[in-house]
Amino acid sequence: MNSSGGLAAGGENDSNWSVTYARVGGNDYNTRSPYTGDSYVVSGSCIDAGLVQHTSSAQLIVPPGASTASSGGTTSAGSDYLPGNGTSGNNTASYFYRLAFTITGTGSGDVNNDV
């Protein structure tokens, strides 16, 4: 979501979701790195046929470090090929996301929640 509560454009950060840990190519990343940080909204032009398309109320997100092709592509915001795009050895990857949001209302005050 963007700061107005609407859907963010493809390639923009979604600061509500961040990757706090990634294991890519056998290496662990738990501080700011090419694979951790705010997620990106996948650009509509990058969504492959096997993925669910964006809707009027939902979008796909991807961690930093995604590229434009499964091999040999360039890294860019909103691309959908993740490092470790495979199923064995150094071709595997794990990403841990954090969701942060604020709840406001008529209660005793604002509540910040991390899930």
PDB file of N, CA and C in Angstrom:
ATOM      1  N   MET A   1       0.828  -1.183   0.000  1.00  0.00           N
ATOM      2  CA  MET A   1       0.000   0.000   0.000  1.00  0.00           C
ATOM      3  C   MET A   1       0.874   1.249   0.000  1.00  0.00           C
ATOM      4  N   ASN A   2       0.377   2.285  -0.590  1.00  0.00           N
ATOM      5  CA  ASN A   2       1.107   3.552  -0.565  1.00  0.00           C
ATOM      6  C   ASN A   2       0.667   4.368   0.661  1.00  0.00           C
ATOM      7  N   SER A   3       1.204   5.554   0.827  1.00  0.00           N
ATOM      8  CA  SER A   3       0.922   6.374   2.006  1.00  0.00           C
ATOM      9  C   SER A   3      -0.524   6.866   2.063  1.00  0.00           C
ATOM     10  N   SER A   4      -1.254   6.791   0.945  1.00  0.00           N
ATOM     11  CA  SER A   4      -2.659   7.199   0.911  1.00  0.00           C
ATOM     12  C   SER A   4      -3.611   6.030   1.151  1.00  0.00           C
ATOM     13  N   GLY A   5      -3.069   4.832   1.362  1.00  0.00           N
ATOM     14  CA  GLY A   5      -3.892   3.655   1.591  1.00  0.00           C
ATOM     15  C   GLY A   5      -4.294   2.920   0.325  1.00  0.00           C
ATOM     16  N   GLY A   6      -3.814   3.379  -0.823  1.00  0.00           N
ATOM     17  CA  GLY A   6      -4.110   2.703  -2.088  1.00  0.00           C
ATOM     18  C   GLY A   6      -2.995   1.744  -2.465  1.00  0.00           C
ATOM     19  N   LEU A   7      -3.162   1.089  -3.592  1.00  0.00           N
ATOM     20  CA  LEU A   7      -2.138   0.168  -4.066  1.00  0.00           C
ATOM     21  C   LEU A   7      -0.946   0.939  -4.621  1.00  0.00           C
ATOM     22  N   ALA A   8       0.233   0.458  -4.312  1.00  0.00           N
ATOM     23  CA  ALA A   8       1.459   1.078  -4.831  1.00  0.00           C
ATOM     24  C   ALA A   8       1.658   0.643  -6.283  1.00  0.00           C
ATOM     25  N   ALA A   9       2.391   1.420  -7.025  1.00  0.00           N
ATOM     26  CA  ALA A   9       2.695   1.095  -8.420  1.00  0.00           C
ATOM     27  C   ALA A   9       3.771   0.013  -8.469  1.00  0.00           C
ATOM     28  N   GLY A  10       3.777  -0.759  -9.543  1.00  0.00           N
ATOM     29  CA  GLY A  10       4.806  -1.770  -9.735  1.00  0.00           C
ATOM     30  C   GLY A  10       6.194  -1.163  -9.667  1.00  0.00           C
ATOM     31  N   GLY A  11       7.087  -1.828  -8.950  1.00  0.00           N
ATOM     32  CA  GLY A  11       8.458  -1.353  -8.794  1.00  0.00           C
ATOM     33  C   GLY A  11       8.659  -0.455  -7.596  1.00  0.00           C
ATOM     34  N   GLU A  12       7.574   0.003  -6.947  1.00  0.00           N
ATOM     35  CA  GLU A  12       7.701   0.836  -5.747  1.00  0.00           C
ATOM     36  C   GLU A  12       7.894  -0.038  -4.516  1.00  0.00           C
ATOM     37  N   ASN A  13       8.540   0.547  -3.502  1.00  0.00           N
ATOM     38  CA  ASN A  13       8.681  -0.149  -2.222  1.00  0.00           C
ATOM     39  C   ASN A  13       7.329  -0.302  -1.552  1.00  0.00           C
ATOM     40  N   ASP A  14       7.144  -1.420  -0.864  1.00  0.00           N
ATOM     41  CA  ASP A  14       6.021  -1.591   0.052  1.00  0.00           C
ATOM     42  C   ASP A  14       6.639  -1.681   1.432  1.00  0.00           C
ATOM     43  N   SER A  15       6.751  -0.536   2.098  1.00  0.00           N
ATOM     44  CA  SER A  15       7.462  -0.470   3.373  1.00  0.00           C
ATOM     45  C   SER A  15       6.719  -1.167   4.510  1.00  0.00           C
ATOM     46  N   ASN A  16       5.480  -1.624   4.267  1.00  0.00           N
ATOM     47  CA  ASN A  16       4.773  -2.412   5.275  1.00  0.00           C
ATOM     48  C   ASN A  16       5.403  -3.794   5.421  1.00  0.00           C
ATOM     49  N   TRP A  17       5.957  -4.303   4.349  1.00  0.00           N
ATOM     50  CA  TRP A  17       6.584  -5.617   4.334  1.00  0.00           C
ATOM     51  C   TRP A  17       8.083  -5.449   4.113  1.00  0.00           C
ATOM     52  N   SER A  18       8.874  -6.078   4.959  1.00  0.00           N
ATOM     53  CA  SER A  18      10.319  -6.046   4.754  1.00  0.00           C
ATOM     54  C   SER A  18      10.895  -7.437   4.952  1.00  0.00           C
ATOM     55  N   VAL A  19      11.994  -7.696   4.296  1.00  0.00           N
ATOM     56  CA  VAL A  19      12.710  -8.957   4.462  1.00  0.00           C
ATOM     57  C   VAL A  19      13.777  -8.714   5.520  1.00  0.00           C
ATOM     58  N   THR A  20      13.657  -9.438   6.635  1.00  0.00           N
ATOM     59  CA  THR A  20      14.589  -9.250   7.750  1.00  0.00           C
ATOM     60  C   THR A  20      15.716 -10.275   7.744  1.00  0.00           C
ATOM     61  N   TYR A  21      15.536 -11.356   7.007  1.00  0.00           N
ATOM     62  CA  TYR A  21      16.562 -12.408   6.901  1.00  0.00           C
ATOM     63  C   TYR A  21      16.412 -13.083   5.552  1.00  0.00           C
ATOM     64  N   ALA A  22      17.532 -13.376   4.933  1.00  0.00           N
ATOM     65  CA  ALA A  22      17.538 -14.132   3.682  1.00  0.00           C
ATOM     66  C   ALA A  22      18.702 -15.111   3.712  1.00  0.00           C
ATOM     67  N   ARG A  23      18.481 -16.281   3.195  1.00  0.00           N
ATOM     68  CA  ARG A  23      19.558 -17.253   2.983  1.00  0.00           C
ATOM     69  C   ARG A  23      19.584 -17.508   1.488  1.00  0.00           C
ATOM     70  N   VAL A  24      20.640 -17.026   0.843  1.00  0.00           N
ATOM     71  CA  VAL A  24      20.756 -17.077  -0.612  1.00  0.00           C
ATOM     72  C   VAL A  24      22.110 -17.676  -0.962  1.00  0.00           C
ATOM     73  N   GLY A  25      22.095 -18.698  -1.802  1.00  0.00           N
ATOM     74  CA  GLY A  25      23.350 -19.307  -2.246  1.00  0.00           C
ATOM     75  C   GLY A  25      24.208 -19.824  -1.115  1.00  0.00           C
ATOM     76  N   GLY A  26      23.582 -20.290  -0.037  1.00  0.00           N
ATOM     77  CA  GLY A  26      24.321 -20.816   1.103  1.00  0.00           C
ATOM     78  C   GLY A  26      24.818 -19.767   2.068  1.00  0.00           C
ATOM     79  N   ASN A  27      24.520 -18.486   1.835  1.00  0.00           N
ATOM     80  CA  ASN A  27      24.961 -17.399   2.715  1.00  0.00           C
ATOM     81  C   ASN A  27      23.772 -16.800   3.449  1.00  0.00           C
ATOM     82  N   ASP A  28      23.998 -16.405   4.706  1.00  0.00           N
ATOM     83  CA  ASP A  28      22.966 -15.780   5.523  1.00  0.00           C
ATOM     84  C   ASP A  28      23.092 -14.262   5.477  1.00  0.00           C
ATOM     85  N   TYR A  29      21.953 -13.574   5.355  1.00  0.00           N
ATOM     86  CA  TYR A  29      21.901 -12.111   5.349  1.00  0.00           C
ATOM     87  C   TYR A  29      20.843 -11.677   6.356  1.00  0.00           C
ATOM     88  N   ASN A  30      21.253 -10.996   7.418  1.00  0.00           N
ATOM     89  CA  ASN A  30      20.281 -10.522   8.406  1.00  0.00           C
ATOM     90  C   ASN A  30      20.460  -9.050   8.745  1.00  0.00           C
ATOM     91  N   THR A  31      21.262  -8.367   7.974  1.00  0.00           N
ATOM     92  CA  THR A  31      21.378  -6.912   8.058  1.00  0.00           C
ATOM     93  C   THR A  31      21.118  -6.377   6.651  1.00  0.00           C
ATOM     94  N   ARG A  32      21.134  -5.068   6.483  1.00  0.00           N
ATOM     95  CA  ARG A  32      20.868  -4.469   5.176  1.00  0.00           C
ATOM     96  C   ARG A  32      21.818  -5.088   4.153  1.00  0.00           C
ATOM     97  N   SER A  33      21.253  -5.635   3.095  1.00  0.00           N
ATOM     98  CA  SER A  33      22.044  -6.302   2.061  1.00  0.00           C
ATOM     99  C   SER A  33      21.284  -6.208   0.741  1.00  0.00           C
ATOM    100  N   PRO A  34      21.837  -6.761  -0.339  1.00  0.00           N
ATOM    101  CA  PRO A  34      21.081  -6.766  -1.600  1.00  0.00           C
ATOM    102  C   PRO A  34      19.799  -7.605  -1.528  1.00  0.00           C
ATOM    103  N   TYR A  35      19.657  -8.448  -0.492  1.00  0.00           N
ATOM    104  CA  TYR A  35      18.520  -9.362  -0.402  1.00  0.00           C
ATOM    105  C   TYR A  35      17.584  -9.068   0.773  1.00  0.00           C
ATOM    106  N   THR A  36      17.897  -8.087   1.602  1.00  0.00           N
ATOM    107  CA  THR A  36      17.047  -7.738   2.737  1.00  0.00           C
ATOM    108  C   THR A  36      16.655  -6.264   2.652  1.00  0.00           C
ATOM    109  N   GLY A  37      15.598  -5.901   3.352  1.00  0.00           N
ATOM    110  CA  GLY A  37      15.102  -4.532   3.339  1.00  0.00           C
ATOM    111  C   GLY A  37      13.655  -4.511   2.874  1.00  0.00           C
ATOM    112  N   ASP A  38      13.152  -3.326   2.548  1.00  0.00           N
ATOM    113  CA  ASP A  38      11.761  -3.186   2.108  1.00  0.00           C
ATOM    114  C   ASP A  38      11.504  -4.014   0.855  1.00  0.00           C
ATOM    115  N   SER A  39      10.334  -4.626   0.822  1.00  0.00           N
ATOM    116  CA  SER A  39       9.946  -5.387  -0.363  1.00  0.00           C
ATOM    117  C   SER A  39       9.517  -4.433  -1.480  1.00  0.00           C
ATOM    118  N   TYR A  40       9.370  -4.981  -2.666  1.00  0.00           N
ATOM    119  CA  TYR A  40       8.923  -4.226  -3.830  1.00  0.00           C
ATOM    120  C   TYR A  40       7.642  -4.837  -4.368  1.00  0.00           C
ATOM    121  N   VAL A  41       6.790  -4.017  -4.922  1.00  0.00           N
ATOM    122  CA  VAL A  41       5.609  -4.494  -5.635  1.00  0.00           C
ATOM    123  C   VAL A  41       6.072  -4.985  -7.002  1.00  0.00           C
ATOM    124  N   VAL A  42       5.674  -6.199  -7.359  1.00  0.00           N
ATOM    125  CA  VAL A  42       6.055  -6.747  -8.663  1.00  0.00           C
ATOM    126  C   VAL A  42       5.359  -5.945  -9.760  1.00  0.00           C
ATOM    127  N   SER A  43       6.115  -5.540 -10.761  1.00  0.00           N
ATOM    128  CA  SER A  43       5.547  -4.808 -11.899  1.00  0.00           C
ATOM    129  C   SER A  43       4.650  -5.739 -12.699  1.00  0.00           C
ATOM    130  N   GLY A  44       3.510  -5.237 -13.133  1.00  0.00           N
ATOM    131  CA  GLY A  44       2.570  -6.046 -13.904  1.00  0.00           C
ATOM    132  C   GLY A  44       3.193  -6.678 -15.132  1.00  0.00           C
ATOM    133  N   SER A  45       4.132  -5.991 -15.763  1.00  0.00           N
ATOM    134  CA  SER A  45       4.771  -6.521 -16.968  1.00  0.00           C
ATOM    135  C   SER A  45       5.736  -7.665 -16.657  1.00  0.00           C
ATOM    136  N   CYS A  46       6.064  -7.865 -15.385  1.00  0.00           N
ATOM    137  CA  CYS A  46       7.005  -8.918 -15.002  1.00  0.00           C
ATOM    138  C   CYS A  46       6.318 -10.172 -14.471  1.00  0.00           C
ATOM    139  N   ILE A  47       5.006 -10.156 -14.343  1.00  0.00           N
ATOM    140  CA  ILE A  47       4.303 -11.305 -13.774  1.00  0.00           C
ATOM    141  C   ILE A  47       4.173 -12.389 -14.833  1.00  0.00           C
ATOM    142  N   ASP A  48       4.768 -13.552 -14.553  1.00  0.00           N
ATOM    143  CA  ASP A  48       4.712 -14.680 -15.476  1.00  0.00           C
ATOM    144  C   ASP A  48       3.333 -15.329 -15.462  1.00  0.00           C
ATOM    145  N   ALA A  49       3.048 -16.130 -16.470  1.00  0.00           N
ATOM    146  CA  ALA A  49       1.750 -16.789 -16.598  1.00  0.00           C
ATOM    147  C   ALA A  49       1.439 -17.694 -15.409  1.00  0.00           C
ATOM    148  N   GLY A  50       2.456 -18.257 -14.763  1.00  0.00           N
ATOM    149  CA  GLY A  50       2.237 -19.159 -13.639  1.00  0.00           C
ATOM    150  C   GLY A  50       1.901 -18.454 -12.336  1.00  0.00           C
ATOM    151  N   LEU A  51       1.977 -17.132 -12.296  1.00  0.00           N
ATOM    152  CA  LEU A  51       1.691 -16.368 -11.082  1.00  0.00           C
ATOM    153  C   LEU A  51       0.313 -15.723 -11.173  1.00  0.00           C
ATOM    154  N   VAL A  52      -0.282 -15.499 -10.032  1.00  0.00           N
ATOM    155  CA  VAL A  52      -1.586 -14.834  -9.971  1.00  0.00           C
ATOM    156  C   VAL A  52      -1.395 -13.359 -10.298  1.00  0.00           C
ATOM    157  N   GLN A  53      -2.207 -12.829 -11.173  1.00  0.00           N
ATOM    158  CA  GLN A  53      -2.121 -11.421 -11.551  1.00  0.00           C
ATOM    159  C   GLN A  53      -2.595 -10.521 -10.413  1.00  0.00           C
ATOM    160  N   HIS A  54      -2.169  -9.262 -10.432  1.00  0.00           N
ATOM    161  CA  HIS A  54      -2.648  -8.280  -9.469  1.00  0.00           C
ATOM    162  C   HIS A  54      -4.166  -8.120  -9.603  1.00  0.00           C
ATOM    163  N   THR A  55      -4.807  -7.767  -8.490  1.00  0.00           N
ATOM    164  CA  THR A  55      -6.238  -7.477  -8.519  1.00  0.00           C
ATOM    165  C   THR A  55      -6.429  -6.041  -8.049  1.00  0.00           C
ATOM    166  N   SER A  56      -7.662  -5.608  -7.941  1.00  0.00           N
ATOM    167  CA  SER A  56      -7.927  -4.244  -7.489  1.00  0.00           C
ATOM    168  C   SER A  56      -7.646  -4.069  -6.001  1.00  0.00           C
ATOM    169  N   SER A  57      -7.410  -5.172  -5.270  1.00  0.00           N
ATOM    170  CA  SER A  57      -7.158  -5.062  -3.832  1.00  0.00           C
ATOM    171  C   SER A  57      -5.933  -5.843  -3.360  1.00  0.00           C
ATOM    172  N   ALA A  58      -5.179  -6.450  -4.273  1.00  0.00           N
ATOM    173  CA  ALA A  58      -4.015  -7.241  -3.864  1.00  0.00           C
ATOM    174  C   ALA A  58      -2.940  -7.219  -4.942  1.00  0.00           C
ATOM    175  N   GLN A  59      -1.689  -7.268  -4.481  1.00  0.00           N
ATOM    176  CA  GLN A  59      -0.551  -7.279  -5.392  1.00  0.00           C
ATOM    177  C   GLN A  59       0.499  -8.249  -4.882  1.00  0.00           C
ATOM    178  N   LEU A  60       1.347  -8.716  -5.771  1.00  0.00           N
ATOM    179  CA  LEU A  60       2.484  -9.542  -5.389  1.00  0.00           C
ATOM    180  C   LEU A  60       3.625  -8.646  -4.942  1.00  0.00           C
ATOM    181  N   ILE A  61       4.377  -9.112  -3.949  1.00  0.00           N
ATOM    182  CA  ILE A  61       5.582  -8.402  -3.537  1.00  0.00           C
ATOM    183  C   ILE A  61       6.772  -9.342  -3.680  1.00  0.00           C
ATOM    184  N   VAL A  62       7.944  -8.760  -3.713  1.00  0.00           N
ATOM    185  CA  VAL A  62       9.170  -9.524  -3.895  1.00  0.00           C
ATOM    186  C   VAL A  62      10.266  -8.867  -3.059  1.00  0.00           C
ATOM    187  N   PRO A  63      11.224  -9.665  -2.534  1.00  0.00           N
ATOM    188  CA  PRO A  63      12.308  -9.058  -1.779  1.00  0.00           C
ATOM    189  C   PRO A  63      13.280  -8.321  -2.690  1.00  0.00           C
ATOM    190  N   PRO A  64      14.137  -7.497  -2.108  1.00  0.00           N
ATOM    191  CA  PRO A  64      15.186  -6.856  -2.917  1.00  0.00           C
ATOM    192  C   PRO A  64      16.063  -7.925  -3.583  1.00  0.00           C
ATOM    193  N   GLY A  65      16.660  -7.589  -4.677  1.00  0.00           N
ATOM    194  CA  GLY A  65      17.590  -8.492  -5.347  1.00  0.00           C
ATOM    195  C   GLY A  65      16.975  -9.313  -6.462  1.00  0.00           C
ATOM    196  N   ALA A  66      15.678  -9.152  -6.729  1.00  0.00           N
ATOM    197  CA  ALA A  66      15.048  -9.892  -7.820  1.00  0.00           C
ATOM    198  C   ALA A  66      15.548  -9.357  -9.158  1.00  0.00           C
ATOM    199  N   SER A  67      15.512 -10.209 -10.169  1.00  0.00           N
ATOM    200  CA  SER A  67      16.016  -9.786 -11.478  1.00  0.00           C
ATOM    201  C   SER A  67      14.980 -10.018 -12.565  1.00  0.00           C
ATOM    202  N   THR A  68      15.313  -9.585 -13.762  1.00  0.00           N
ATOM    203  CA  THR A  68      14.382  -9.622 -14.895  1.00  0.00           C
ATOM    204  C   THR A  68      14.342 -10.967 -15.608  1.00  0.00           C
ATOM    205  N   ALA A  69      15.224 -11.900 -15.259  1.00  0.00           N
ATOM    206  CA  ALA A  69      15.246 -13.219 -15.892  1.00  0.00           C
ATOM    207  C   ALA A  69      15.754 -14.250 -14.899  1.00  0.00           C
ATOM    208  N   SER A  70      15.435 -15.522 -15.143  1.00  0.00           N
ATOM    209  CA  SER A  70      15.854 -16.569 -14.215  1.00  0.00           C
ATOM    210  C   SER A  70      17.370 -16.733 -14.184  1.00  0.00           C
ATOM    211  N   SER A  71      18.042 -16.370 -15.257  1.00  0.00           N
ATOM    212  CA  SER A  71      19.508 -16.337 -15.259  1.00  0.00           C
ATOM    213  C   SER A  71      19.951 -15.282 -16.262  1.00  0.00           C
ATOM    214  N   GLY A  72      20.944 -14.507 -15.889  1.00  0.00           N
ATOM    215  CA  GLY A  72      21.477 -13.489 -16.784  1.00  0.00           C
ATOM    216  C   GLY A  72      20.694 -12.200 -16.845  1.00  0.00           C
ATOM    217  N   GLY A  73      19.648 -12.068 -16.049  1.00  0.00           N
ATOM    218  CA  GLY A  73      18.863 -10.841 -16.064  1.00  0.00           C
ATOM    219  C   GLY A  73      19.533  -9.744 -15.255  1.00  0.00           C
ATOM    220  N   THR A  74      18.938  -8.593 -15.263  1.00  0.00           N
ATOM    221  CA  THR A  74      19.443  -7.479 -14.471  1.00  0.00           C
ATOM    222  C   THR A  74      18.571  -7.291 -13.241  1.00  0.00           C
ATOM    223  N   THR A  75      19.179  -6.887 -12.145  1.00  0.00           N
ATOM    224  CA  THR A  75      18.448  -6.638 -10.911  1.00  0.00           C
ATOM    225  C   THR A  75      17.689  -5.336 -11.051  1.00  0.00           C
ATOM    226  N   SER A  76      16.394  -5.382 -10.765  1.00  0.00           N
ATOM    227  CA  SER A  76      15.602  -4.160 -10.811  1.00  0.00           C
ATOM    228  C   SER A  76      14.390  -4.305  -9.908  1.00  0.00           C
ATOM    229  N   ALA A  77      13.948  -3.187  -9.380  1.00  0.00           N
ATOM    230  CA  ALA A  77      12.768  -3.172  -8.522  1.00  0.00           C
ATOM    231  C   ALA A  77      11.557  -3.621  -9.320  1.00  0.00           C
ATOM    232  N   GLY A  78      10.779  -4.505  -8.756  1.00  0.00           N
ATOM    233  CA  GLY A  78       9.558  -4.949  -9.405  1.00  0.00           C
ATOM    234  C   GLY A  78       9.707  -6.164 -10.285  1.00  0.00           C
ATOM    235  N   SER A  79      10.924  -6.697 -10.419  1.00  0.00           N
ATOM    236  CA  SER A  79      11.124  -7.924 -11.191  1.00  0.00           C
ATOM    237  C   SER A  79      10.712  -9.116 -10.343  1.00  0.00           C
ATOM    238  N   ASP A  80      10.495 -10.272 -10.983  1.00  0.00           N
ATOM    239  CA  ASP A  80       9.957 -11.393 -10.218  1.00  0.00           C
ATOM    240  C   ASP A  80      10.852 -12.623 -10.127  1.00  0.00           C
ATOM    241  N   TYR A  81      12.065 -12.583 -10.648  1.00  0.00           N
ATOM    242  CA  TYR A  81      12.962 -13.729 -10.514  1.00  0.00           C
ATOM    243  C   TYR A  81      13.873 -13.517  -9.315  1.00  0.00           C
ATOM    244  N   LEU A  82      13.713 -14.383  -8.323  1.00  0.00           N
ATOM    245  CA  LEU A  82      14.481 -14.254  -7.093  1.00  0.00           C
ATOM    246  C   LEU A  82      15.823 -14.947  -7.202  1.00  0.00           C
ATOM    247  N   PRO A  83      16.832 -14.432  -6.506  1.00  0.00           N
ATOM    248  CA  PRO A  83      18.076 -15.190  -6.387  1.00  0.00           C
ATOM    249  C   PRO A  83      17.749 -16.525  -5.722  1.00  0.00           C
ATOM    250  N   GLY A  84      18.412 -17.578  -6.140  1.00  0.00           N
ATOM    251  CA  GLY A  84      18.101 -18.886  -5.590  1.00  0.00           C
ATOM    252  C   GLY A  84      16.859 -19.464  -6.216  1.00  0.00           C
ATOM    253  N   ASN A  85      16.619 -19.155  -7.484  1.00  0.00           N
ATOM    254  CA  ASN A  85      15.430 -19.586  -8.201  1.00  0.00           C
ATOM    255  C   ASN A  85      15.589 -21.054  -8.617  1.00  0.00           C
ATOM    256  N   GLY A  86      15.592 -21.948  -7.623  1.00  0.00           N
ATOM    257  CA  GLY A  86      15.769 -23.367  -7.898  1.00  0.00           C
ATOM    258  C   GLY A  86      15.399 -24.200  -6.687  1.00  0.00           C
ATOM    259  N   THR A  87      15.741 -25.481  -6.719  1.00  0.00           N
ATOM    260  CA  THR A  87      15.288 -26.389  -5.670  1.00  0.00           C
ATOM    261  C   THR A  87      16.391 -27.163  -4.960  1.00  0.00           C
ATOM    262  N   SER A  88      17.645 -26.946  -5.305  1.00  0.00           N
ATOM    263  CA  SER A  88      18.692 -27.707  -4.623  1.00  0.00           C
ATOM    264  C   SER A  88      19.985 -26.903  -4.528  1.00  0.00           C
ATOM    265  N   GLY A  89      20.784 -27.237  -3.502  1.00  0.00           N
ATOM    266  CA  GLY A  89      22.103 -26.642  -3.313  1.00  0.00           C
ATOM    267  C   GLY A  89      22.077 -25.128  -3.275  1.00  0.00           C
ATOM    268  N   ASN A  90      23.022 -24.506  -3.982  1.00  0.00           N
ATOM    269  CA  ASN A  90      23.117 -23.044  -4.010  1.00  0.00           C
ATOM    270  C   ASN A  90      22.004 -22.393  -4.814  1.00  0.00           C
ATOM    271  N   ASN A  91      21.143 -23.187  -5.425  1.00  0.00           N
ATOM    272  CA  ASN A  91      20.017 -22.635  -6.171  1.00  0.00           C
ATOM    273  C   ASN A  91      18.765 -22.475  -5.312  1.00  0.00           C
ATOM    274  N   THR A  92      18.895 -22.644  -4.004  1.00  0.00           N
ATOM    275  CA  THR A  92      17.751 -22.450  -3.107  1.00  0.00           C
ATOM    276  C   THR A  92      17.923 -21.152  -2.341  1.00  0.00           C
ATOM    277  N   ALA A  93      16.821 -20.631  -1.864  1.00  0.00           N
ATOM    278  CA  ALA A  93      16.863 -19.416  -1.051  1.00  0.00           C
ATOM    279  C   ALA A  93      15.664 -19.403  -0.114  1.00  0.00           C
ATOM    280  N   SER A  94      15.833 -18.738   1.017  1.00  0.00           N
ATOM    281  CA  SER A  94      14.749 -18.544   1.980  1.00  0.00           C
ATOM    282  C   SER A  94      14.688 -17.068   2.320  1.00  0.00           C
ATOM    283  N   TYR A  95      13.470 -16.542   2.435  1.00  0.00           N
ATOM    284  CA  TYR A  95      13.265 -15.140   2.763  1.00  0.00           C
ATOM    285  C   TYR A  95      12.268 -15.054   3.910  1.00  0.00           C
ATOM    286  N   PHE A  96      12.602 -14.290   4.949  1.00  0.00           N
ATOM    287  CA  PHE A  96      11.705 -14.086   6.083  1.00  0.00           C
ATOM    288  C   PHE A  96      11.200 -12.655   6.046  1.00  0.00           C
ATOM    289  N   TYR A  97       9.879 -12.513   5.952  1.00  0.00           N
ATOM    290  CA  TYR A  97       9.242 -11.204   5.863  1.00  0.00           C
ATOM    291  C   TYR A  97       8.749 -10.742   7.233  1.00  0.00           C
ATOM    292  N   ARG A  98       8.714  -9.435   7.403  1.00  0.00           N
ATOM    293  CA  ARG A  98       8.151  -8.794   8.593  1.00  0.00           C
ATOM    294  C   ARG A  98       7.049  -7.860   8.107  1.00  0.00           C
ATOM    295  N   LEU A  99       5.887  -7.941   8.743  1.00  0.00           N
ATOM    296  CA  LEU A  99       4.770  -7.053   8.441  1.00  0.00           C
ATOM    297  C   LEU A  99       4.629  -6.079   9.595  1.00  0.00           C
ATOM    298  N   ALA A 100       4.660  -4.795   9.313  1.00  0.00           N
ATOM    299  CA  ALA A 100       4.502  -3.764  10.350  1.00  0.00           C
ATOM    300  C   ALA A 100       3.326  -2.880   9.963  1.00  0.00           C
ATOM    301  N   PHE A 101       2.466  -2.594  10.939  1.00  0.00           N
ATOM    302  CA  PHE A 101       1.318  -1.741  10.678  1.00  0.00           C
ATOM    303  C   PHE A 101       0.897  -1.036  11.951  1.00  0.00           C
ATOM    304  N   THR A 102       0.109   0.002  11.804  1.00  0.00           N
ATOM    305  CA  THR A 102      -0.410   0.775  12.932  1.00  0.00           C
ATOM    306  C   THR A 102      -1.923   0.668  12.934  1.00  0.00           C
ATOM    307  N   ILE A 103      -2.470   0.406  14.103  1.00  0.00           N
ATOM    308  CA  ILE A 103      -3.923   0.353  14.272  1.00  0.00           C
ATOM    309  C   ILE A 103      -4.336   1.613  15.012  1.00  0.00           C
ATOM    310  N   THR A 104      -5.270   2.352  14.452  1.00  0.00           N
ATOM    311  CA  THR A 104      -5.786   3.542  15.119  1.00  0.00           C
ATOM    312  C   THR A 104      -7.284   3.371  15.347  1.00  0.00           C
ATOM    313  N   GLY A 105      -7.796   4.041  16.340  1.00  0.00           N
ATOM    314  CA  GLY A 105      -9.222   3.921  16.602  1.00  0.00           C
ATOM    315  C   GLY A 105      -9.621   4.780  17.784  1.00  0.00           C
ATOM    316  N   THR A 106     -10.716   4.415  18.411  1.00  0.00           N
ATOM    317  CA  THR A 106     -11.243   5.209  19.508  1.00  0.00           C
ATOM    318  C   THR A 106     -10.801   4.696  20.871  1.00  0.00           C
ATOM    319  N   GLY A 107      -9.889   3.737  20.908  1.00  0.00           N
ATOM    320  CA  GLY A 107      -9.397   3.169  22.171  1.00  0.00           C
ATOM    321  C   GLY A 107      -8.433   4.117  22.863  1.00  0.00           C
ATOM    322  N   SER A 108      -7.531   3.571  23.640  1.00  0.00           N
ATOM    323  CA  SER A 108      -6.634   4.372  24.465  1.00  0.00           C
ATOM    324  C   SER A 108      -5.455   4.967  23.698  1.00  0.00           C
ATOM    325  N   GLY A 109      -5.333   4.713  22.426  1.00  0.00           N
ATOM    326  CA  GLY A 109      -4.241   5.293  21.659  1.00  0.00           C
ATOM    327  C   GLY A 109      -3.844   4.391  20.501  1.00  0.00           C
ATOM    328  N   ASP A 110      -2.817   4.790  19.799  1.00  0.00           N
ATOM    329  CA  ASP A 110      -2.324   4.009  18.671  1.00  0.00           C
ATOM    330  C   ASP A 110      -1.555   2.809  19.186  1.00  0.00           C
ATOM    331  N   VAL A 111      -1.634   1.725  18.436  1.00  0.00           N
ATOM    332  CA  VAL A 111      -0.911   0.511  18.757  1.00  0.00           C
ATOM    333  C   VAL A 111      -0.063   0.155  17.550  1.00  0.00           C
ATOM    334  N   ASN A 112       1.221  -0.020  17.729  1.00  0.00           N
ATOM    335  CA  ASN A 112       2.104  -0.466  16.651  1.00  0.00           C
ATOM    336  C   ASN A 112       2.295  -1.969  16.805  1.00  0.00           C
ATOM    337  N   ASN A 113       2.123  -2.709  15.735  1.00  0.00           N
ATOM    338  CA  ASN A 113       2.235  -4.164  15.789  1.00  0.00           C
ATOM    339  C   ASN A 113       3.214  -4.653  14.761  1.00  0.00           C
ATOM    340  N   ASP A 114       4.020  -5.603  15.146  1.00  0.00           N
ATOM    341  CA  ASP A 114       4.903  -6.325  14.238  1.00  0.00           C
ATOM    342  C   ASP A 114       4.463  -7.781  14.258  1.00  0.00           C
ATOM    343  N   VAL A 115       4.313  -8.359  13.085  1.00  0.00           N
ATOM    344  CA  VAL A 115       3.910  -9.749  13.001  1.00  0.00           C
ATOM    345  C   VAL A 115       5.080 -10.545  12.479  1.00  0.00           C
TER     346      VAL A 115
END
